[in-house]
C-alpha atoms as a PDB file:
ATOM      1  CA  MET A   1      10.655   5.476  -2.589  1.00  0.00           C
ATOM      2  CA  GLU A   2       8.854   7.604  -0.101  1.00  0.00           C
ATOM      3  CA  LYS A   3       9.464   8.724   3.291  1.00  0.00           C
ATOM      4  CA  SER A   4       6.898   8.043   6.101  1.00  0.00           C
ATOM      5  CA  ASN A   5       6.506  10.496   8.916  1.00  0.00           C
ATOM      6  CA  ASN A   6       9.085   8.701  10.813  1.00  0.00           C
ATOM      7  CA  GLU A   7      11.850   8.904   7.974  1.00  0.00           C
ATOM      8  CA  GLU A   8      11.402   5.052   7.178  1.00  0.00           C
ATOM      9  CA  GLN A   9      11.679   4.565   3.268  1.00  0.00           C
ATOM     10  CA  THR A  10       8.374   3.054   2.020  1.00  0.00           C
ATOM     11  CA  ILE A  11       7.504   1.526  -1.336  1.00  0.00           C
ATOM     12  CA  GLU A  12       4.049   1.239  -2.613  1.00  0.00           C
ATOM     13  CA  ILE A  13       2.330  -2.031  -3.574  1.00  0.00           C
ATOM     14  CA  MET A  14      -0.777  -2.556  -5.760  1.00  0.00           C
ATOM     15  CA  TYR A  15      -3.260  -5.248  -4.776  1.00  0.00           C
ATOM     16  CA  ASN A  16      -7.023  -6.099  -5.757  1.00  0.00           C
ATOM     17  CA  SER A  17      -9.351  -4.650  -3.192  1.00  0.00           C
ATOM     18  CA  ILE A  18     -12.335  -6.415  -4.283  1.00  0.00           C
ATOM     19  CA  HIS A  19     -13.627 -10.052  -5.155  1.00  0.00           C
ATOM     20  CA  GLY A  20     -12.973 -10.777  -8.789  1.00  0.00           C
ATOM     21  CA  GLY A  21      -9.151 -10.820  -9.689  1.00  0.00           C
ATOM     22  CA  PHE A  22      -6.164  -8.499 -10.147  1.00  0.00           C
ATOM     23  CA  GLY A  23      -6.123  -7.201 -13.466  1.00  0.00           C
ATOM     24  CA  PHE A  24      -5.569  -3.986 -15.880  1.00  0.00           C
ATOM     25  CA  SER A  25      -7.858  -2.154 -18.353  1.00  0.00           C
ATOM     26  CA  ASN A  26      -6.853  -2.062 -21.922  1.00  0.00           C
ATOM     27  CA  LYS A  27      -6.072   1.653 -21.454  1.00  0.00           C
ATOM     28  CA  ALA A  28      -3.519   0.795 -18.733  1.00  0.00           C
ATOM     29  CA  ILE A  29      -1.743  -2.091 -20.363  1.00  0.00           C
ATOM     30  CA  LYS A  30      -1.439   0.131 -23.433  1.00  0.00           C
ATOM     31  CA  MET A  31       0.105   3.070 -21.639  1.00  0.00           C
ATOM     32  CA  TYR A  32       2.388   0.569 -19.434  1.00  0.00           C
ATOM     33  CA  CYS A  33       3.742  -0.805 -22.764  1.00  0.00           C
ATOM     34  CA  GLU A  34       4.265   2.577 -24.322  1.00  0.00           C
ATOM     35  CA  LYS A  35       5.990   3.728 -21.198  1.00  0.00           C
ATOM     36  CA  LYS A  36       8.321   0.508 -21.310  1.00  0.00           C
ATOM     37  CA  GLY A  37       8.832   0.578 -24.842  1.00  0.00           C
ATOM     38  CA  ILE A  38       7.068  -2.821 -25.278  1.00  0.00           C
ATOM     39  CA  GLU A  39       5.018  -3.313 -28.261  1.00  0.00           C
ATOM     40  CA  TYR A  40       1.269  -3.143 -27.704  1.00  0.00           C
ATOM     41  CA  ILE A  41      -1.032  -5.529 -29.147  1.00  0.00           C
ATOM     42  CA  PRO A  42      -4.512  -4.649 -28.794  1.00  0.00           C
ATOM     43  CA  GLN A  43      -6.932  -7.525 -27.284  1.00  0.00           C
ATOM     44  CA  THR A  44     -10.271  -7.902 -26.413  1.00  0.00           C
ATOM     45  CA  ASP A  45      -9.776 -10.779 -24.454  1.00  0.00           C
ATOM     46  CA  GLU A  46      -9.670 -10.011 -20.481  1.00  0.00           C
ATOM     47  CA  ASP A  47      -7.722 -13.333 -19.985  1.00  0.00           C
ATOM     48  CA  TYR A  48      -4.899 -11.808 -22.164  1.00  0.00           C
ATOM     49  CA  ASN A  49      -4.875  -8.560 -19.966  1.00  0.00           C
ATOM     50  CA  ARG A  50      -4.823 -10.471 -16.858  1.00  0.00           C
ATOM     51  CA  ARG A  51      -1.981 -12.545 -17.639  1.00  0.00           C
ATOM     52  CA  ILE A  52      -0.009  -9.267 -18.860  1.00  0.00           C
ATOM     53  CA  GLY A  53      -1.230  -7.732 -15.244  1.00  0.00           C
ATOM     54  CA  TYR A  54       0.288 -10.789 -13.246  1.00  0.00           C
ATOM     55  CA  SER A  55       3.736 -10.501 -15.262  1.00  0.00           C
ATOM     56  CA  ILE A  56       4.052  -7.082 -13.851  1.00  0.00           C
ATOM     57  CA  LEU A  57       5.529  -6.830 -10.562  1.00  0.00           C
ATOM     58  CA  ARG A  58       3.405  -5.522  -7.644  1.00  0.00           C
ATOM     59  CA  HIS A  59       5.713  -2.778  -6.548  1.00  0.00           C
ATOM     60  CA  ASP A  60       6.342  -1.461 -10.490  1.00  0.00           C
ATOM     61  CA  LYS A  61       6.901   2.040 -10.506  1.00  0.00           C
ATOM     62  CA  VAL A  62       5.733   2.785 -13.895  1.00  0.00           C
ATOM     63  CA  MET A  63       2.272   1.020 -13.427  1.00  0.00           C
ATOM     64  CA  ILE A  64       1.985   2.717 -10.130  1.00  0.00           C
ATOM     65  CA  SER A  65       2.458   5.878 -12.061  1.00  0.00           C
ATOM     66  CA  ILE A  66      -0.103   5.155 -14.558  1.00  0.00           C
ATOM     67  CA  ILE A  67      -2.581   4.114 -11.697  1.00  0.00           C
ATOM     68  CA  LYS A  68      -1.945   7.503  -9.966  1.00  0.00           C
ATOM     69  CA  GLU A  69      -2.497   9.148 -13.366  1.00  0.00           C
ATOM     70  CA  ILE A  70      -5.852   7.373 -14.835  1.00  0.00           C
ATOM     71  CA  GLY A  71      -7.337   6.219 -11.151  1.00  0.00           C
ATOM     72  CA  LYS A  72     -10.213   3.756 -11.806  1.00  0.00           C
ATOM     73  CA  GLU A  73      -9.541   3.787 -15.226  1.00  0.00           C
ATOM     74  CA  ALA A  74      -6.666   1.566 -14.797  1.00  0.00           C
ATOM     75  CA  ASN A  75      -9.071  -1.209 -13.250  1.00  0.00           C
ATOM     76  CA  SER A  76     -10.206  -4.216 -15.475  1.00  0.00           C
ATOM     77  CA  GLU A  77     -13.790  -5.160 -15.312  1.00  0.00           C
ATOM     78  CA  TYR A  78     -13.150  -7.364 -12.184  1.00  0.00           C
ATOM     79  CA  SER A  79     -10.664  -5.550 -10.405  1.00  0.00           C
ATOM     80  CA  ASN A  80     -10.534  -2.179  -8.046  1.00  0.00           C
ATOM     81  CA  ILE A  81      -6.602  -1.698  -7.757  1.00  0.00           C
ATOM     82  CA  LYS A  82      -5.438   0.125  -4.751  1.00  0.00           C
ATOM     83  CA  LEU A  83      -1.855   0.989  -3.530  1.00  0.00           C
ATOM     84  CA  GLU A  84      -0.572   0.228  -0.056  1.00  0.00           C
ATOM     85  CA  LYS A  85       2.740   1.673   1.305  1.00  0.00           C
ATOM     86  CA  ILE A  86       4.967  -0.573   3.044  1.00  0.00           C
ATOM     87  CA  PRO A  87       8.498  -0.465   4.528  1.00  0.00           C
ATOM     88  CA  GLU A  88      11.303  -0.597   1.811  1.00  0.00           C
ATOM     89  CA  LYS A  89      13.103  -3.195   3.845  1.00  0.00           C
ATOM     90  CA  TYR A  90      10.068  -5.550   3.460  1.00  0.00           C
ATOM     91  CA  LEU A  91      10.247  -5.151  -0.452  1.00  0.00           C
ATOM     92  CA  GLU A  92      11.677  -8.822  -0.689  1.00  0.00           C
ATOM     93  CA  TYR A  93       9.394 -10.532   1.652  1.00  0.00           C
ATOM     94  CA  TYR A  94       6.037  -8.994   1.247  1.00  0.00           C
ATOM     95  CA  GLU A  95       3.343 -11.509  -0.202  1.00  0.00           C
ATOM     96  CA  ILE A  96      -0.061 -11.323  -1.817  1.00  0.00           C
ATOM     97  CA  GLU A  97      -2.744 -13.091   0.059  1.00  0.00           C
ATOM     98  CA  LYS A  98      -5.909 -14.120  -2.096  1.00  0.00           C
ATOM     99  CA  TYR A  99      -9.373 -14.874  -1.272  1.00  0.00           C
ATOM    100  CA  ASP A 100     -11.409 -15.265  -4.250  1.00  0.00           C
ATOM    101  CA  GLY A 101      -9.849 -12.461  -6.123  1.00  0.00           C
ATOM    102  CA  LEU A 102      -9.896 -10.252  -2.961  1.00  0.00           C
ATOM    103  CA  GLU A 103      -6.058  -9.495  -2.062  1.00  0.00           C
ATOM    104  CA  SER A 104      -4.201  -8.064   1.002  1.00  0.00           C
ATOM    105  CA  ILE A 105      -0.694  -7.582   1.744  1.00  0.00           C
ATOM    106  CA  ASN A 106       1.232  -9.446   3.930  1.00  0.00           C
ATOM    107  CA  GLU A 107       4.577  -7.908   4.775  1.00  0.00           C
ATOM    108  CA  ASN A 108       6.315 -11.059   6.334  1.00  0.00           C
ATOM    109  CA  SER A 109       7.870  -8.746   8.766  1.00  0.00           C
ATOM    110  CA  LEU A 110       9.210 -11.219  11.294  1.00  0.00           C
ATOM    111  CA  HIS A 111      10.830 -13.320   8.663  1.00  0.00           C
ATOM    112  CA  CYS A 112      12.665  -9.931   7.548  1.00  0.00           C
ATOM    113  CA  GLU A 113      13.437  -8.962  11.043  1.00  0.00           C
ATOM    114  CA  LEU A 114      14.741 -12.177  11.889  1.00  0.00           C
ATOM    115  CA  GLU A 115      17.114 -12.027   8.555  1.00  0.00           C
ATOM    116  CA  LEU A 116      18.011  -8.405   9.372  1.00  0.00           C
ATOM    117  CA  GLN A 117      19.297  -9.567  12.882  1.00  0.00           C
ATOM    118  CA  ILE A 118      20.973 -12.609  11.303  1.00  0.00           C
ATOM    119  CA  ASN A 119      22.810 -10.128   9.059  1.00  0.00           C
ATOM    120  CA  GLU A 120      23.905  -7.748  11.801  1.00  0.00           C
ATOM    121  CA  PHE A 121      25.415 -10.626  13.824  1.00  0.00           C
ATOM    122  CA  GLU A 122      27.189 -12.003  11.140  1.00  0.00           C
ATOM    123  CA  LYS A 123      28.457  -8.365  10.589  1.00  0.00           C
ATOM    124  CA  GLU A 124      29.534  -8.322  14.267  1.00  0.00           C
ATOM    125  CA  ASN A 125      31.187 -11.628  14.179  1.00  0.00           C
ATOM    126  CA  GLN A 126      33.143 -10.701  11.286  1.00  0.00           C
ATOM    127  CA  GLU A 127      34.242  -7.600  12.905  1.00  0.00           C
ATOM    128  CA  LEU A 128      35.118  -9.588  16.101  1.00  0.00           C
ATOM    129  CA  LYS A 129      37.139 -12.126  13.748  1.00  0.00           C
ATOM    130  CA  LYS A 130      39.103  -9.302  12.601  1.00  0.00           C
ATOM    131  CA  GLN A 131      39.950  -7.948  15.939  1.00  0.00           C
ATOM    132  CA  ILE A 132      40.839 -11.341  17.174  1.00  0.00           C
ATOM    133  CA  GLU A 133      43.297 -11.659  14.192  1.00  0.00           C
ATOM    134  CA  GLU A 134      44.706  -7.977  14.857  1.00  0.00           C
ATOM    135  CA  LEU A 135      45.169  -9.239  18.658  1.00  0.00           C
ATOM    136  CA  LYS A 136      47.144 -12.205  17.493  1.00  0.00           C
ATOM    137  CA  LYS A 137      49.459 -10.309  15.467  1.00  0.00           C
ATOM    138  CA  GLN A 138      50.056  -8.023  18.417  1.00  0.00           C
ATOM    139  CA  ILE A 139      51.006 -11.203  20.487  1.00  0.00           C
ATOM    140  CA  GLU A 140      53.105 -12.367  17.932  1.00  0.00           C
ATOM    141  CA  GLU A 141      54.858  -9.123  17.507  1.00  0.00           C
ATOM    142  CA  LEU A 142      55.306  -8.943  21.382  1.00  0.00           C
ATOM    143  CA  LYS A 143      56.893 -12.564  21.372  1.00  0.00           C
ATOM    144  CA  LYS A 144      59.397 -11.536  18.694  1.00  0.00           C
ATOM    145  CA  GLN A 145      60.434  -8.771  20.967  1.00  0.00           C
ATOM    146  CA  ASN A 146      61.304 -10.782  23.931  1.00  0.00           C
END
C-alpha cells in the first residue's frame, strides 16, 4: 500500500484500457506462477490464459509487481493493462465495469462512506451504552449509601 499526497493509504488496481478483454501474456502468467509457487503449464490457448487472468484478483500485489517489471509484455494479444490507485478504504467496494472488453474502475465510494458512517455510529452507540451502564451502577451505589 502506498500513500498519496494527502497521506491517505492507496492500493493499485489492474484494468484493461482497450476494447478486447482483460488477460495476461504467457510470460506474465509464467512469472506469476513462479513467484506464487504454482505449477506453470505452458499453453498456446489464449482462452486458458484469460481464465487464469480472471482468477487473479485485480489488486494482486504479485501480478502488479510483474506488470511494473515487464510493462507491455504482460499484456495478452487483446489487452492493455493499466494500473489505477484508489483509496485503500474502497478495497472491498470497487468494481470493474466493462464495455466490450474496455474496463474502468468504480470505487463505489458512496456505499463505502455510508458503511463507514454506520460503523462509526454503532461504535459511538456502544460507547454510550457503556456510559449509561456506568451511570446506572453509580446510581445503584448512591441508593445503597442512602
